[in-house]
C-alpha atoms as a PDB file:
ATOM      1  CA  MET A   1       0.185   8.505   4.998  1.00  0.00           C
ATOM      2  CA  SER A   2      -2.669   5.877   5.477  1.00  0.00           C
ATOM      3  CA  LYS A   3      -3.130   2.479   5.766  1.00  0.00           C
ATOM      4  CA  LYS A   4      -5.940  -0.105   6.350  1.00  0.00           C
ATOM      5  CA  SER A   5      -5.686  -3.551   7.424  1.00  0.00           C
ATOM      6  CA  GLY A   6      -8.649  -6.545   7.433  1.00  0.00           C
ATOM      7  CA  ILE A   7      -9.596  -5.656   3.804  1.00  0.00           C
ATOM      8  CA  THR A   8     -12.310  -8.140   2.640  1.00  0.00           C
ATOM      9  CA  CYS A   9     -13.531  -8.250  -1.137  1.00  0.00           C
ATOM     10  CA  ASN A  10     -17.089  -9.280  -1.273  1.00  0.00           C
ATOM     11  CA  SER A  11     -17.017  -9.464  -5.279  1.00  0.00           C
ATOM     12  CA  THR A  12     -17.792 -12.982  -6.928  1.00  0.00           C
ATOM     13  CA  HIS A  13     -15.240 -11.832  -9.794  1.00  0.00           C
ATOM     14  CA  ASN A  14     -12.073 -12.444  -7.346  1.00  0.00           C
ATOM     15  CA  TYR A  15     -13.378 -15.854  -5.661  1.00  0.00           C
ATOM     16  CA  GLN A  16     -10.380 -17.936  -7.372  1.00  0.00           C
ATOM     17  CA  THR A  17      -7.805 -15.293  -6.226  1.00  0.00           C
ATOM     18  CA  LYS A  18      -9.008 -15.278  -2.618  1.00  0.00           C
ATOM     19  CA  ALA A  19      -9.370 -19.030  -2.698  1.00  0.00           C
ATOM     20  CA  ILE A  20      -5.378 -19.411  -3.375  1.00  0.00           C
ATOM     21  CA  GLY A  21      -4.697 -16.554  -0.599  1.00  0.00           C
ATOM     22  CA  GLU A  22      -3.218 -14.024  -3.190  1.00  0.00           C
ATOM     23  CA  PHE A  23      -5.837 -11.248  -2.376  1.00  0.00           C
ATOM     24  CA  PRO A  24      -4.554  -8.344  -0.210  1.00  0.00           C
ATOM     25  CA  SER A  25      -5.560  -7.902   3.196  1.00  0.00           C
ATOM     26  CA  SER A  26      -3.948  -4.431   3.526  1.00  0.00           C
ATOM     27  CA  TYR A  27      -2.395  -1.636   2.097  1.00  0.00           C
ATOM     28  CA  LEU A  28       0.271   1.426   2.758  1.00  0.00           C
ATOM     29  CA  LYS A  29       0.075   4.509   0.660  1.00  0.00           C
ATOM     30  CA  LEU A  30       2.239   7.605   1.244  1.00  0.00           C
ATOM     31  CA  GLN A  31       1.657  10.812  -0.569  1.00  0.00           C
ATOM     32  CA  ILE A  32       3.741  13.937  -1.058  1.00  0.00           C
ATOM     33  CA  ASN A  33       1.540  17.347  -2.150  1.00  0.00           C
ATOM     34  CA  ARG A  34       2.840  20.723  -2.814  1.00  0.00           C
ATOM     35  CA  GLY A  35       0.022  22.727  -2.315  1.00  0.00           C
ATOM     36  CA  SER A  36      -2.928  20.808  -3.877  1.00  0.00           C
ATOM     37  CA  GLN A  37      -0.851  19.298  -6.420  1.00  0.00           C
ATOM     38  CA  LEU A  38       0.184  15.765  -5.946  1.00  0.00           C
ATOM     39  CA  VAL A  39       4.091  15.283  -6.309  1.00  0.00           C
ATOM     40  CA  TYR A  40       4.809  11.639  -5.412  1.00  0.00           C
ATOM     41  CA  SER A  41       2.736   8.605  -4.568  1.00  0.00           C
ATOM     42  CA  TYR A  42       3.837   5.431  -3.161  1.00  0.00           C
ATOM     43  CA  TYR A  43       1.291   2.659  -2.635  1.00  0.00           C
ATOM     44  CA  ILE A  44       1.749  -1.347  -1.845  1.00  0.00           C
ATOM     45  CA  ASP A  45      -0.709  -3.953  -1.167  1.00  0.00           C
ATOM     46  CA  LEU A  46       0.335  -6.595   1.584  1.00  0.00           C
ATOM     47  CA  LYS A  47      -0.982  -9.647   2.673  1.00  0.00           C
ATOM     48  CA  GLU A  48      -0.639  -8.852   6.256  1.00  0.00           C
ATOM     49  CA  ASP A  49      -1.165  -6.255   8.533  1.00  0.00           C
ATOM     50  CA  VAL A  50       1.229  -3.079   8.107  1.00  0.00           C
ATOM     51  CA  LYS A  51       4.243  -3.611  10.043  1.00  0.00           C
ATOM     52  CA  GLU A  52       6.708  -0.869  11.089  1.00  0.00           C
ATOM     53  CA  SER A  53       9.340  -2.369   8.498  1.00  0.00           C
ATOM     54  CA  ASP A  54       6.907  -1.805   5.648  1.00  0.00           C
ATOM     55  CA  ILE A  55       6.502   1.896   6.734  1.00  0.00           C
ATOM     56  CA  LYS A  56      10.324   2.394   6.788  1.00  0.00           C
ATOM     57  CA  ASN A  57      10.648   0.541   3.470  1.00  0.00           C
ATOM     58  CA  ALA A  58       7.907   3.182   2.030  1.00  0.00           C
ATOM     59  CA  PHE A  59      10.143   6.158   3.232  1.00  0.00           C
ATOM     60  CA  PHE A  60      13.683   4.472   1.979  1.00  0.00           C
ATOM     61  CA  ARG A  61      11.787   4.106  -1.558  1.00  0.00           C
ATOM     62  CA  VAL A  62      10.599   7.953  -1.257  1.00  0.00           C
ATOM     63  CA  ARG A  63      13.961   8.876  -0.505  1.00  0.00           C
ATOM     64  CA  ASP A  64      15.523   6.955  -3.445  1.00  0.00           C
ATOM     65  CA  ASP A  65      13.012   7.857  -5.724  1.00  0.00           C
ATOM     66  CA  LEU A  66      13.180  11.676  -5.356  1.00  0.00           C
ATOM     67  CA  PHE A  67      17.099  12.299  -4.057  1.00  0.00           C
ATOM     68  CA  LYS A  68      19.127   9.770  -5.808  1.00  0.00           C
END
C-alpha cells in the first residue's frame, strides 16, 4: 500500500482544474501481487489527506471485488 499527500501540479495545462479546486491533493494505492505478477490494483485520487476511513474503504473494495 502506498499513499501520498500534499500533491501539487506545476503544469500550466491544468491551471483551470486547479483554479476551481478539482485537482487531487493526495492518493491511495493498494496492490496485490502473486510473486512478481500484479493480481489486483486499487487507486483513488483524493481532494484531502488520506484518512483511516479511506483505507478501510479500499480494503472493503478489494474484498468485494475479489471474494464476492
